[in-house]
Amino acid sequence: MEEVLSQNEIDALLSAISSGEMDADELKQEKKEQKVRVYDFKRALRFSKDQIRSLSRIHENYARLLTTYFSAQLRTHVSISVASVDQIPYEEFIRSVPKMTVLNIYSLQPLDGRILMEVNPNIAYGMLDRILGGKGNSVNKVENLTEIETILMSQLFEKAAVNLQEAWESLIEIDPILEDFEVNPQFLQMVSPNETVVVVSLNTTIGEASGMINICIPHIVLEPIIPKLSAHYWMQSVPKKRDTESYEKLTKNIQQARVDVKTLLGEAAISVEQLLNIKKDDIIALNQQIDQPLELTVNDEPKFYVQPGKSRNKMSVQVLEEIRGGNENE
């Protein structure tokens, strides 16, 4: 919205122009100047906000699955939630990672490239302490990992790949495999420094330890499934094919189910005194007219109008019409 000048400000402006303190040409030139917005080509945004939101939803589910998995494995309180989902250059991500940390590299066949899970040493050693029977205390000595500690920790994250597969199945069927376990990010070069990556940061609390788990997903991994990350893909209704064999079995089982069918001849209301004085040959008048059809109920729900009669010397009813409710689908 443009600023509206008061009368005093207009008078002061005209006075400055007439006195020569301000040049009208300079005012016109300032108005013509274009506003420049700084754009960093090294930080090119290759994913839309819609696609980032889709990735956030997927990893919110992944965080819940990891919470359940680590709770069962470590027998302690675990809380994992998505803190942020950002797209940044790979070089910027590597600079933000501690010099010594826990790095898990997964391949996601049939997708190209690999993804990286960086686990804060505070969290990693809390896990290791629980596996070895401790309370979950963290001692950051990641640069001095023993061979046994490395095997125990890599096995824990190798089994967590199943949760990654389950979280991504709404997009694509993948087969995650833990390919490498590293502690120094400087020895790791998955993509070029300027390559755009999506970094999913997870707030993590395990026992008495807390920290961050960062998942780095390069653009090359997501490129084949980028169309599936848009909102209209999630809203598409995919028609499900009917399982003919299951349908026939279900129909057969339903047809064999037994239901309670009744026909009410009529009702009458009498007093307790009349009930006590009933004698042989007394007549009780019902509220049902002889020229009106009866109701046939199925499991106490009225379904058909019928008329009474006999079939093979047995009392029976003949269906006249179906009783329809207010909803045609009922």
C-alpha atoms as a PDB file:
ATOM      1  CA  MET A   1       0.000   0.000   0.000  1.00  0.00           C
ATOM      2  CA  GLU A   2       1.401   3.394  -1.032  1.00  0.00           C
ATOM      3  CA  GLU A   3       2.073   5.966   1.684  1.00  0.00           C
ATOM      4  CA  VAL A   4      -0.307   8.974   1.656  1.00  0.00           C
ATOM      5  CA  LEU A   5       1.348  12.319   2.448  1.00  0.00           C
ATOM      6  CA  SER A   6      -0.308  14.835   4.767  1.00  0.00           C
ATOM      7  CA  GLN A   7      -0.917  18.403   3.662  1.00  0.00           C
ATOM      8  CA  ASN A   8       2.012  19.665   5.776  1.00  0.00           C
ATOM      9  CA  GLU A   9       4.362  17.102   4.138  1.00  0.00           C
ATOM     10  CA  ILE A  10       3.174  18.143   0.661  1.00  0.00           C
ATOM     11  CA  ASP A  11       3.777  21.827   1.459  1.00  0.00           C
ATOM     12  CA  ALA A  12       7.274  21.037   2.808  1.00  0.00           C
ATOM     13  CA  LEU A  13       8.116  18.996  -0.333  1.00  0.00           C
ATOM     14  CA  LEU A  14       6.960  21.786  -2.698  1.00  0.00           C
ATOM     15  CA  SER A  15       8.906  24.323  -0.683  1.00  0.00           C
ATOM     16  CA  ALA A  16      12.105  22.222  -0.897  1.00  0.00           C
ATOM     17  CA  ILE A  17      11.749  21.851  -4.666  1.00  0.00           C
ATOM     18  CA  SER A  18      11.080  25.581  -5.224  1.00  0.00           C
ATOM     19  CA  SER A  19      14.048  26.566  -3.023  1.00  0.00           C
ATOM     20  CA  GLY A  20      16.411  24.189  -4.851  1.00  0.00           C
ATOM     21  CA  GLU A  21      17.118  21.964  -1.852  1.00  0.00           C
ATOM     22  CA  MET A  22      15.648  18.977  -3.735  1.00  0.00           C
ATOM     23  CA  ASP A  23      15.719  18.192  -7.458  1.00  0.00           C
ATOM     24  CA  ALA A  24      12.543  16.806  -9.090  1.00  0.00           C
ATOM     25  CA  ASP A  25      14.640  14.796 -11.577  1.00  0.00           C
ATOM     26  CA  GLU A  26      16.334  12.944  -8.698  1.00  0.00           C
ATOM     27  CA  LEU A  27      12.921  11.950  -7.349  1.00  0.00           C
ATOM     28  CA  LYS A  28      11.914  10.535 -10.740  1.00  0.00           C
ATOM     29  CA  GLN A  29      15.178   8.610 -10.984  1.00  0.00           C
ATOM     30  CA  GLU A  30      14.730   7.048  -7.540  1.00  0.00           C
ATOM     31  CA  LYS A  31      11.237   5.942  -8.517  1.00  0.00           C
ATOM     32  CA  LYS A  32      12.502   4.241 -11.677  1.00  0.00           C
ATOM     33  CA  GLU A  33      15.217   2.251  -9.853  1.00  0.00           C
ATOM     34  CA  GLN A  34      14.384  -1.467  -9.777  1.00  0.00           C
ATOM     35  CA  LYS A  35      14.517  -3.439  -6.559  1.00  0.00           C
ATOM     36  CA  VAL A  36      17.121  -6.203  -6.706  1.00  0.00           C
ATOM     37  CA  ARG A  37      16.697  -9.463  -4.850  1.00  0.00           C
ATOM     38  CA  VAL A  38      19.850 -11.380  -4.004  1.00  0.00           C
ATOM     39  CA  TYR A  39      19.915 -14.939  -5.421  1.00  0.00           C
ATOM     40  CA  ASP A  40      22.581 -17.413  -4.402  1.00  0.00           C
ATOM     41  CA  PHE A  41      23.208 -19.862  -7.270  1.00  0.00           C
ATOM     42  CA  LYS A  42      25.116 -22.146  -4.905  1.00  0.00           C
ATOM     43  CA  ARG A  43      21.946 -22.506  -2.844  1.00  0.00           C
ATOM     44  CA  ALA A  44      19.543 -23.250  -5.685  1.00  0.00           C
ATOM     45  CA  LEU A  45      16.097 -24.441  -4.549  1.00  0.00           C
ATOM     46  CA  ARG A  46      15.244 -27.542  -6.559  1.00  0.00           C
ATOM     47  CA  PHE A  47      12.227 -28.685  -4.544  1.00  0.00           C
ATOM     48  CA  SER A  48       8.929 -26.824  -4.173  1.00  0.00           C
ATOM     49  CA  LYS A  49       7.325 -26.172  -0.796  1.00  0.00           C
ATOM     50  CA  ASP A  50       4.696 -28.756  -1.679  1.00  0.00           C
ATOM     51  CA  GLN A  51       7.342 -31.426  -2.252  1.00  0.00           C
ATOM     52  CA  ILE A  52       9.133 -30.505   0.985  1.00  0.00           C
ATOM     53  CA  ARG A  53       5.845 -30.906   2.887  1.00  0.00           C
ATOM     54  CA  SER A  54       5.402 -34.367   1.355  1.00  0.00           C
ATOM     55  CA  LEU A  55       8.888 -35.378   2.510  1.00  0.00           C
ATOM     56  CA  SER A  56       8.064 -34.002   5.953  1.00  0.00           C
ATOM     57  CA  ARG A  57       4.930 -36.193   6.164  1.00  0.00           C
ATOM     58  CA  ILE A  58       6.899 -39.285   5.148  1.00  0.00           C
ATOM     59  CA  HIS A  59       9.562 -38.708   7.784  1.00  0.00           C
ATOM     60  CA  GLU A  60       7.025 -37.902  10.491  1.00  0.00           C
ATOM     61  CA  ASN A  61       5.835 -41.459   9.967  1.00  0.00           C
ATOM     62  CA  TYR A  62       9.466 -42.633   9.938  1.00  0.00           C
ATOM     63  CA  ALA A  63      10.065 -40.850  13.276  1.00  0.00           C
ATOM     64  CA  ARG A  64       7.130 -42.722  14.835  1.00  0.00           C
ATOM     65  CA  LEU A  65       8.432 -46.043  13.506  1.00  0.00           C
ATOM     66  CA  LEU A  66      11.943 -45.318  14.841  1.00  0.00           C
ATOM     67  CA  THR A  67      10.467 -44.414  18.236  1.00  0.00           C
ATOM     68  CA  THR A  68       8.754 -47.800  18.454  1.00  0.00           C
ATOM     69  CA  TYR A  69      11.819 -49.676  17.175  1.00  0.00           C
ATOM     70  CA  PHE A  70      14.362 -48.062  19.531  1.00  0.00           C
ATOM     71  CA  SER A  71      11.983 -48.368  22.502  1.00  0.00           C
ATOM     72  CA  ALA A  72      11.762 -52.121  21.940  1.00  0.00           C
ATOM     73  CA  GLN A  73      15.497 -52.572  21.312  1.00  0.00           C
ATOM     74  CA  LEU A  74      16.783 -50.382  24.155  1.00  0.00           C
ATOM     75  CA  ARG A  75      14.036 -50.919  26.750  1.00  0.00           C
ATOM     76  CA  THR A  76      13.879 -47.245  27.674  1.00  0.00           C
ATOM     77  CA  HIS A  77      11.932 -44.074  26.997  1.00  0.00           C
ATOM     78  CA  VAL A  78      12.419 -42.864  23.405  1.00  0.00           C
ATOM     79  CA  SER A  79      11.019 -39.724  21.792  1.00  0.00           C
ATOM     80  CA  ILE A  80      11.751 -38.852  18.134  1.00  0.00           C
ATOM     81  CA  SER A  81      10.022 -36.080  16.156  1.00  0.00           C
ATOM     82  CA  VAL A  82      10.694 -34.060  12.990  1.00  0.00           C
ATOM     83  CA  ALA A  83      12.314 -30.711  13.817  1.00  0.00           C
ATOM     84  CA  SER A  84      12.822 -29.348  10.287  1.00  0.00           C
ATOM     85  CA  VAL A  85      13.104 -30.281   6.605  1.00  0.00           C
ATOM     86  CA  ASP A  86      15.414 -28.027   4.544  1.00  0.00           C
ATOM     87  CA  GLN A  87      17.153 -28.073   1.161  1.00  0.00           C
ATOM     88  CA  ILE A  88      20.762 -26.896   1.251  1.00  0.00           C
ATOM     89  CA  PRO A  89      24.029 -27.542  -0.653  1.00  0.00           C
ATOM     90  CA  TYR A  90      25.824 -30.735   0.360  1.00  0.00           C
ATOM     91  CA  GLU A  91      28.912 -28.716   1.305  1.00  0.00           C
ATOM     92  CA  GLU A  92      26.891 -26.696   3.824  1.00  0.00           C
ATOM     93  CA  PHE A  93      25.525 -29.867   5.392  1.00  0.00           C
ATOM     94  CA  ILE A  94      28.988 -31.400   5.787  1.00  0.00           C
ATOM     95  CA  ARG A  95      30.274 -28.201   7.436  1.00  0.00           C
ATOM     96  CA  SER A  96      27.433 -28.343   9.974  1.00  0.00           C
ATOM     97  CA  VAL A  97      28.276 -31.928  11.010  1.00  0.00           C
ATOM     98  CA  PRO A  98      30.662 -32.397  13.992  1.00  0.00           C
ATOM     99  CA  LYS A  99      34.233 -33.429  13.165  1.00  0.00           C
ATOM    100  CA  MET A 100      33.665 -36.783  14.820  1.00  0.00           C
ATOM    101  CA  THR A 101      30.185 -38.276  14.690  1.00  0.00           C
ATOM    102  CA  VAL A 102      28.309 -41.460  13.724  1.00  0.00           C
ATOM    103  CA  LEU A 103      27.503 -41.709  10.009  1.00  0.00           C
ATOM    104  CA  ASN A 104      25.370 -44.459   8.469  1.00  0.00           C
ATOM    105  CA  ILE A 105      25.279 -44.694   4.655  1.00  0.00           C
ATOM    106  CA  TYR A 106      22.304 -46.499   3.097  1.00  0.00           C
ATOM    107  CA  SER A 107      21.669 -47.537  -0.504  1.00  0.00           C
ATOM    108  CA  LEU A 108      18.018 -47.460  -1.610  1.00  0.00           C
ATOM    109  CA  GLN A 109      17.641 -49.872  -4.508  1.00  0.00           C
ATOM    110  CA  PRO A 110      16.219 -49.384  -7.126  1.00  0.00           C
ATOM    111  CA  LEU A 111      16.935 -45.648  -6.641  1.00  0.00           C
ATOM    112  CA  ASP A 112      20.332 -44.243  -7.614  1.00  0.00           C
ATOM    113  CA  GLY A 113      22.710 -42.726  -5.094  1.00  0.00           C
ATOM    114  CA  ARG A 114      22.837 -43.157  -1.320  1.00  0.00           C
ATOM    115  CA  ILE A 115      21.427 -41.365   1.706  1.00  0.00           C
ATOM    116  CA  LEU A 116      23.265 -40.468   4.897  1.00  0.00           C
ATOM    117  CA  MET A 117      22.035 -40.712   8.489  1.00  0.00           C
ATOM    118  CA  GLU A 118      24.130 -38.660  10.902  1.00  0.00           C
ATOM    119  CA  VAL A 119      23.577 -39.526  14.568  1.00  0.00           C
ATOM    120  CA  ASN A 120      24.841 -37.138  17.223  1.00  0.00           C
ATOM    121  CA  PRO A 121      27.525 -38.876  19.349  1.00  0.00           C
ATOM    122  CA  ASN A 122      25.559 -37.995  22.465  1.00  0.00           C
ATOM    123  CA  ILE A 123      22.643 -40.083  21.184  1.00  0.00           C
ATOM    124  CA  ALA A 124      24.815 -42.864  19.730  1.00  0.00           C
ATOM    125  CA  TYR A 125      26.666 -43.479  22.999  1.00  0.00           C
ATOM    126  CA  GLY A 126      23.439 -43.351  24.970  1.00  0.00           C
ATOM    127  CA  MET A 127      22.193 -46.197  22.750  1.00  0.00           C
ATOM    128  CA  LEU A 128      25.420 -48.128  23.135  1.00  0.00           C
ATOM    129  CA  ASP A 129      25.321 -47.759  26.915  1.00  0.00           C
ATOM    130  CA  ARG A 130      21.784 -49.200  26.976  1.00  0.00           C
ATOM    131  CA  ILE A 131      22.768 -52.135  24.744  1.00  0.00           C
ATOM    132  CA  LEU A 132      25.615 -52.960  27.141  1.00  0.00           C
ATOM    133  CA  GLY A 133      23.281 -52.844  30.167  1.00  0.00           C
ATOM    134  CA  GLY A 134      23.828 -49.270  31.347  1.00  0.00           C
ATOM    135  CA  LYS A 135      21.357 -46.500  32.184  1.00  0.00           C
ATOM    136  CA  GLY A 136      21.829 -44.726  28.858  1.00  0.00           C
ATOM    137  CA  ASN A 137      24.525 -42.276  29.927  1.00  0.00           C
ATOM    138  CA  SER A 138      26.502 -40.684  27.119  1.00  0.00           C
ATOM    139  CA  VAL A 139      30.287 -40.408  26.939  1.00  0.00           C
ATOM    140  CA  ASN A 140      31.485 -38.797  23.720  1.00  0.00           C
ATOM    141  CA  LYS A 141      34.519 -40.804  22.625  1.00  0.00           C
ATOM    142  CA  VAL A 142      33.443 -41.503  19.068  1.00  0.00           C
ATOM    143  CA  GLU A 143      37.009 -41.197  17.746  1.00  0.00           C
ATOM    144  CA  ASN A 144      38.016 -44.160  19.942  1.00  0.00           C
ATOM    145  CA  LEU A 145      35.321 -46.668  18.968  1.00  0.00           C
ATOM    146  CA  THR A 146      36.422 -50.245  19.560  1.00  0.00           C
ATOM    147  CA  GLU A 147      35.714 -52.974  17.029  1.00  0.00           C
ATOM    148  CA  ILE A 148      32.998 -54.479  19.267  1.00  0.00           C
ATOM    149  CA  GLU A 149      31.343 -51.090  19.792  1.00  0.00           C
ATOM    150  CA  THR A 150      31.390 -50.450  16.036  1.00  0.00           C
ATOM    151  CA  ILE A 151      29.736 -53.816  15.310  1.00  0.00           C
ATOM    152  CA  LEU A 152      27.037 -53.343  17.977  1.00  0.00           C
ATOM    153  CA  MET A 153      26.191 -49.848  16.781  1.00  0.00           C
ATOM    154  CA  SER A 154      26.148 -50.741  13.074  1.00  0.00           C
ATOM    155  CA  GLN A 155      23.895 -53.748  13.759  1.00  0.00           C
ATOM    156  CA  LEU A 156      21.422 -51.491  15.572  1.00  0.00           C
ATOM    157  CA  PHE A 157      21.126 -49.120  12.599  1.00  0.00           C
ATOM    158  CA  GLU A 158      21.197 -51.947  10.069  1.00  0.00           C
ATOM    159  CA  LYS A 159      17.978 -53.373  11.555  1.00  0.00           C
ATOM    160  CA  ALA A 160      16.435 -49.872  11.515  1.00  0.00           C
ATOM    161  CA  ALA A 161      16.464 -50.012   7.689  1.00  0.00           C
ATOM    162  CA  VAL A 162      13.181 -51.959   7.811  1.00  0.00           C
ATOM    163  CA  ASN A 163      11.456 -48.870   9.254  1.00  0.00           C
ATOM    164  CA  LEU A 164      12.832 -46.745   6.417  1.00  0.00           C
ATOM    165  CA  GLN A 165      11.384 -49.172   3.889  1.00  0.00           C
ATOM    166  CA  GLU A 166       7.962 -49.031   5.584  1.00  0.00           C
ATOM    167  CA  ALA A 167       7.948 -45.218   5.729  1.00  0.00           C
ATOM    168  CA  TRP A 168       8.770 -44.877   2.013  1.00  0.00           C
ATOM    169  CA  GLU A 169       6.380 -47.555   0.728  1.00  0.00           C
ATOM    170  CA  SER A 170       3.684 -44.949  -0.013  1.00  0.00           C
ATOM    171  CA  LEU A 171       6.077 -43.513  -2.644  1.00  0.00           C
ATOM    172  CA  ILE A 172       8.097 -46.450  -3.894  1.00  0.00           C
ATOM    173  CA  GLU A 173       9.164 -49.939  -2.882  1.00  0.00           C
ATOM    174  CA  ILE A 174      12.797 -49.672  -1.792  1.00  0.00           C
ATOM    175  CA  ASP A 175      15.331 -52.093  -0.346  1.00  0.00           C
ATOM    176  CA  PRO A 176      17.498 -50.106   2.123  1.00  0.00           C
ATOM    177  CA  ILE A 177      20.891 -51.649   2.905  1.00  0.00           C
ATOM    178  CA  LEU A 178      23.466 -50.259   5.346  1.00  0.00           C
ATOM    179  CA  GLU A 179      26.562 -50.075   3.140  1.00  0.00           C
ATOM    180  CA  ASP A 180      29.017 -48.193   5.322  1.00  0.00           C
ATOM    181  CA  PHE A 181      29.592 -46.981   8.878  1.00  0.00           C
ATOM    182  CA  GLU A 182      31.862 -43.956   9.284  1.00  0.00           C
ATOM    183  CA  VAL A 183      32.854 -41.522  12.043  1.00  0.00           C
ATOM    184  CA  ASN A 184      34.656 -38.789  10.105  1.00  0.00           C
ATOM    185  CA  PRO A 185      32.567 -36.780   7.581  1.00  0.00           C
ATOM    186  CA  GLN A 186      35.723 -35.505   5.844  1.00  0.00           C
ATOM    187  CA  PHE A 187      36.313 -39.001   4.450  1.00  0.00           C
ATOM    188  CA  LEU A 188      32.820 -39.062   2.957  1.00  0.00           C
ATOM    189  CA  GLN A 189      32.023 -37.586  -0.469  1.00  0.00           C
ATOM    190  CA  MET A 190      28.645 -38.836  -1.715  1.00  0.00           C
ATOM    191  CA  VAL A 191      27.859 -36.011  -4.186  1.00  0.00           C
ATOM    192  CA  SER A 192      29.463 -32.808  -5.452  1.00  0.00           C
ATOM    193  CA  PRO A 193      29.737 -29.962  -2.906  1.00  0.00           C
ATOM    194  CA  ASN A 194      27.173 -27.794  -4.733  1.00  0.00           C
ATOM    195  CA  GLU A 195      24.609 -30.576  -5.125  1.00  0.00           C
ATOM    196  CA  THR A 196      21.260 -29.795  -3.488  1.00  0.00           C
ATOM    197  CA  VAL A 197      20.325 -32.164  -0.676  1.00  0.00           C
ATOM    198  CA  VAL A 198      17.264 -32.416   1.561  1.00  0.00           C
ATOM    199  CA  VAL A 199      18.183 -32.555   5.254  1.00  0.00           C
ATOM    200  CA  VAL A 200      15.574 -33.972   7.642  1.00  0.00           C
ATOM    201  CA  SER A 201      16.440 -33.130  11.263  1.00  0.00           C
ATOM    202  CA  LEU A 202      14.915 -35.271  14.023  1.00  0.00           C
ATOM    203  CA  ASN A 203      14.753 -34.198  17.665  1.00  0.00           C
ATOM    204  CA  THR A 204      15.759 -37.307  19.620  1.00  0.00           C
ATOM    205  CA  THR A 205      15.650 -38.234  23.296  1.00  0.00           C
ATOM    206  CA  ILE A 206      16.757 -41.715  24.359  1.00  0.00           C
ATOM    207  CA  GLY A 207      16.860 -42.378  28.076  1.00  0.00           C
ATOM    208  CA  GLU A 208      18.934 -39.608  29.630  1.00  0.00           C
ATOM    209  CA  ALA A 209      20.591 -38.575  26.353  1.00  0.00           C
ATOM    210  CA  SER A 210      19.248 -36.066  23.834  1.00  0.00           C
ATOM    211  CA  GLY A 211      20.459 -34.729  20.499  1.00  0.00           C
ATOM    212  CA  MET A 212      19.752 -34.677  16.770  1.00  0.00           C
ATOM    213  CA  ILE A 213      19.547 -37.287  14.038  1.00  0.00           C
ATOM    214  CA  ASN A 214      20.029 -35.765  10.559  1.00  0.00           C
ATOM    215  CA  ILE A 215      19.040 -37.589   7.366  1.00  0.00           C
ATOM    216  CA  CYS A 216      20.719 -36.244   4.203  1.00  0.00           C
ATOM    217  CA  ILE A 217      18.933 -37.153   0.931  1.00  0.00           C
ATOM    218  CA  PRO A 218      20.687 -36.023  -2.300  1.00  0.00           C
ATOM    219  CA  HIS A 219      18.669 -34.745  -5.241  1.00  0.00           C
ATOM    220  CA  ILE A 220      19.821 -37.673  -7.395  1.00  0.00           C
ATOM    221  CA  VAL A 221      18.002 -40.081  -5.068  1.00  0.00           C
ATOM    222  CA  LEU A 222      14.697 -38.203  -5.207  1.00  0.00           C
ATOM    223  CA  GLU A 223      14.813 -37.210  -8.885  1.00  0.00           C
ATOM    224  CA  PRO A 224      12.907 -40.268 -10.260  1.00  0.00           C
ATOM    225  CA  ILE A 225      10.075 -39.857  -7.722  1.00  0.00           C
ATOM    226  CA  ILE A 226       9.748 -36.060  -7.655  1.00  0.00           C
ATOM    227  CA  PRO A 227       6.341 -36.170  -9.468  1.00  0.00           C
ATOM    228  CA  LYS A 228       5.033 -38.403  -6.674  1.00  0.00           C
ATOM    229  CA  LEU A 229       5.886 -35.757  -4.074  1.00  0.00           C
ATOM    230  CA  SER A 230       3.288 -33.284  -5.365  1.00  0.00           C
ATOM    231  CA  ALA A 231      -0.059 -32.844  -3.596  1.00  0.00           C
ATOM    232  CA  HIS A 232      -2.240 -34.059  -6.492  1.00  0.00           C
ATOM    233  CA  TYR A 233      -0.474 -37.441  -6.436  1.00  0.00           C
ATOM    234  CA  TRP A 234      -1.465 -37.976  -2.785  1.00  0.00           C
ATOM    235  CA  MET A 235      -5.064 -36.961  -3.549  1.00  0.00           C
ATOM    236  CA  GLN A 236      -5.471 -39.332  -6.473  1.00  0.00           C
ATOM    237  CA  SER A 237      -7.830 -42.189  -5.758  1.00  0.00           C
ATOM    238  CA  VAL A 238      -6.343 -45.385  -7.111  1.00  0.00           C
ATOM    239  CA  PRO A 239      -9.125 -47.874  -7.882  1.00  0.00           C
ATOM    240  CA  LYS A 240      -8.582 -51.108  -6.026  1.00  0.00           C
ATOM    241  CA  LYS A 241      -9.042 -54.346  -7.925  1.00  0.00           C
ATOM    242  CA  ARG A 242     -11.535 -56.761  -6.440  1.00  0.00           C
ATOM    243  CA  ASP A 243     -10.077 -60.015  -5.212  1.00  0.00           C
ATOM    244  CA  THR A 244     -12.495 -62.447  -6.877  1.00  0.00           C
ATOM    245  CA  GLU A 245     -11.518 -65.436  -4.734  1.00  0.00           C
ATOM    246  CA  SER A 246     -11.890 -63.518  -1.453  1.00  0.00           C
ATOM    247  CA  TYR A 247     -15.185 -62.017  -2.645  1.00  0.00           C
ATOM    248  CA  GLU A 248     -16.622 -65.465  -3.400  1.00  0.00           C
ATOM    249  CA  LYS A 249     -15.501 -66.868  -0.033  1.00  0.00           C
ATOM    250  CA  LEU A 250     -16.986 -63.900   1.802  1.00  0.00           C
ATOM    251  CA  THR A 251     -20.274 -64.196  -0.096  1.00  0.00           C
ATOM    252  CA  LYS A 252     -20.496 -67.930   0.658  1.00  0.00           C
ATOM    253  CA  ASN A 253     -19.847 -67.401   4.361  1.00  0.00           C
ATOM    254  CA  ILE A 254     -22.455 -64.633   4.586  1.00  0.00           C
ATOM    255  CA  GLN A 255     -25.054 -66.773   2.807  1.00  0.00           C
ATOM    256  CA  GLN A 256     -24.565 -69.477   5.445  1.00  0.00           C
ATOM    257  CA  ALA A 257     -25.090 -67.064   8.342  1.00  0.00           C
ATOM    258  CA  ARG A 258     -28.283 -67.676  10.373  1.00  0.00           C
ATOM    259  CA  VAL A 259     -30.625 -64.796  11.192  1.00  0.00           C
ATOM    260  CA  ASP A 260     -33.691 -64.557  13.457  1.00  0.00           C
ATOM    261  CA  VAL A 261     -36.881 -63.958  11.394  1.00  0.00           C
ATOM    262  CA  LYS A 262     -40.188 -63.088  13.112  1.00  0.00           C
ATOM    263  CA  THR A 263     -43.671 -61.921  12.146  1.00  0.00           C
ATOM    264  CA  LEU A 264     -45.794 -60.090  14.735  1.00  0.00           C
ATOM    265  CA  LEU A 265     -49.534 -60.781  14.427  1.00  0.00           C
ATOM    266  CA  GLY A 266     -50.426 -57.770  16.538  1.00  0.00           C
ATOM    267  CA  GLU A 267     -50.264 -56.226  19.985  1.00  0.00           C
ATOM    268  CA  ALA A 268     -52.744 -55.459  22.747  1.00  0.00           C
ATOM    269  CA  ALA A 269     -52.636 -53.518  26.005  1.00  0.00           C
ATOM    270  CA  ILE A 270     -54.540 -54.848  29.059  1.00  0.00           C
ATOM    271  CA  SER A 271     -54.448 -54.116  32.767  1.00  0.00           C
ATOM    272  CA  VAL A 272     -52.986 -56.432  35.386  1.00  0.00           C
ATOM    273  CA  GLU A 273     -56.509 -57.007  36.754  1.00  0.00           C
ATOM    274  CA  GLN A 274     -57.719 -58.117  33.311  1.00  0.00           C
ATOM    275  CA  LEU A 275     -54.707 -60.416  33.012  1.00  0.00           C
ATOM    276  CA  LEU A 276     -55.486 -62.052  36.362  1.00  0.00           C
ATOM    277  CA  ASN A 277     -59.142 -62.607  35.416  1.00  0.00           C
ATOM    278  CA  ILE A 278     -58.556 -64.173  31.978  1.00  0.00           C
ATOM    279  CA  LYS A 279     -60.620 -67.318  31.455  1.00  0.00           C
ATOM    280  CA  LYS A 280     -61.002 -69.936  28.774  1.00  0.00           C
ATOM    281  CA  ASP A 281     -62.684 -68.678  25.571  1.00  0.00           C
ATOM    282  CA  ASP A 282     -61.971 -65.026  26.454  1.00  0.00           C
ATOM    283  CA  ILE A 283     -60.973 -62.898  23.476  1.00  0.00           C
ATOM    284  CA  ILE A 284     -58.183 -60.287  23.408  1.00  0.00           C
ATOM    285  CA  ALA A 285     -58.497 -57.788  20.553  1.00  0.00           C
ATOM    286  CA  LEU A 286     -55.221 -56.993  18.781  1.00  0.00           C
ATOM    287  CA  ASN A 287     -54.368 -53.641  17.182  1.00  0.00           C
ATOM    288  CA  GLN A 288     -53.716 -55.271  13.791  1.00  0.00           C
ATOM    289  CA  GLN A 289     -56.396 -54.917  11.116  1.00  0.00           C
ATOM    290  CA  ILE A 290     -57.143 -58.128   9.163  1.00  0.00           C
ATOM    291  CA  ASP A 291     -56.955 -56.276   5.848  1.00  0.00           C
ATOM    292  CA  GLN A 292     -53.541 -54.747   6.601  1.00  0.00           C
ATOM    293  CA  PRO A 293     -50.215 -56.561   5.959  1.00  0.00           C
ATOM    294  CA  LEU A 294     -48.003 -57.762   8.806  1.00  0.00           C
ATOM    295  CA  GLU A 295     -44.362 -56.776   9.371  1.00  0.00           C
ATOM    296  CA  LEU A 296     -41.602 -59.361   9.051  1.00  0.00           C
ATOM    297  CA  THR A 297     -38.484 -58.500  11.102  1.00  0.00           C
ATOM    298  CA  VAL A 298     -34.939 -59.777  10.595  1.00  0.00           C
ATOM    299  CA  ASN A 299     -32.912 -59.600  13.807  1.00  0.00           C
ATOM    300  CA  ASP A 300     -35.606 -57.228  15.174  1.00  0.00           C
ATOM    301  CA  GLU A 301     -35.306 -54.886  12.162  1.00  0.00           C
ATOM    302  CA  PRO A 302     -38.485 -54.523   9.998  1.00  0.00           C
ATOM    303  CA  LYS A 303     -37.621 -55.636   6.438  1.00  0.00           C
ATOM    304  CA  PHE A 304     -40.792 -56.828   4.605  1.00  0.00           C
ATOM    305  CA  TYR A 305     -44.574 -56.509   4.527  1.00  0.00           C
ATOM    306  CA  VAL A 306     -46.179 -59.977   4.510  1.00  0.00           C
ATOM    307  CA  GLN A 307     -49.555 -61.688   4.693  1.00  0.00           C
ATOM    308  CA  PRO A 308     -50.228 -64.824   6.781  1.00  0.00           C
ATOM    309  CA  GLY A 309     -51.192 -68.180   5.323  1.00  0.00           C
ATOM    310  CA  LYS A 310     -50.367 -71.890   5.220  1.00  0.00           C
ATOM    311  CA  SER A 311     -47.747 -73.866   3.326  1.00  0.00           C
ATOM    312  CA  ARG A 312     -47.752 -77.675   3.581  1.00  0.00           C
ATOM    313  CA  ASN A 313     -50.029 -77.476   6.619  1.00  0.00           C
ATOM    314  CA  LYS A 314     -47.623 -75.119   8.421  1.00  0.00           C
ATOM    315  CA  MET A 315     -48.206 -71.519   9.413  1.00  0.00           C
ATOM    316  CA  SER A 316     -46.281 -69.295   7.004  1.00  0.00           C
ATOM    317  CA  VAL A 317     -46.198 -65.821   5.492  1.00  0.00           C
ATOM    318  CA  GLN A 318     -46.010 -64.539   1.924  1.00  0.00           C
ATOM    319  CA  VAL A 319     -43.764 -61.543   1.182  1.00  0.00           C
ATOM    320  CA  LEU A 320     -45.642 -58.657  -0.411  1.00  0.00           C
ATOM    321  CA  GLU A 321     -43.042 -55.877  -0.605  1.00  0.00           C
ATOM    322  CA  GLU A 322     -39.805 -54.602   0.942  1.00  0.00           C
ATOM    323  CA  ILE A 323     -39.842 -51.981   3.683  1.00  0.00           C
ATOM    324  CA  ARG A 324     -37.616 -49.091   2.534  1.00  0.00           C
ATOM    325  CA  GLY A 325     -36.138 -46.529   4.915  1.00  0.00           C
ATOM    326  CA  GLY A 326     -35.312 -42.878   4.272  1.00  0.00           C
ATOM    327  CA  ASN A 327     -31.885 -43.794   2.756  1.00  0.00           C
ATOM    328  CA  GLU A 328     -31.985 -45.804  -0.464  1.00  0.00           C
ATOM    329  CA  ASN A 329     -28.678 -47.487   0.467  1.00  0.00           C
ATOM    330  CA  GLU A 330     -30.127 -48.980   3.643  1.00  0.00           C
END
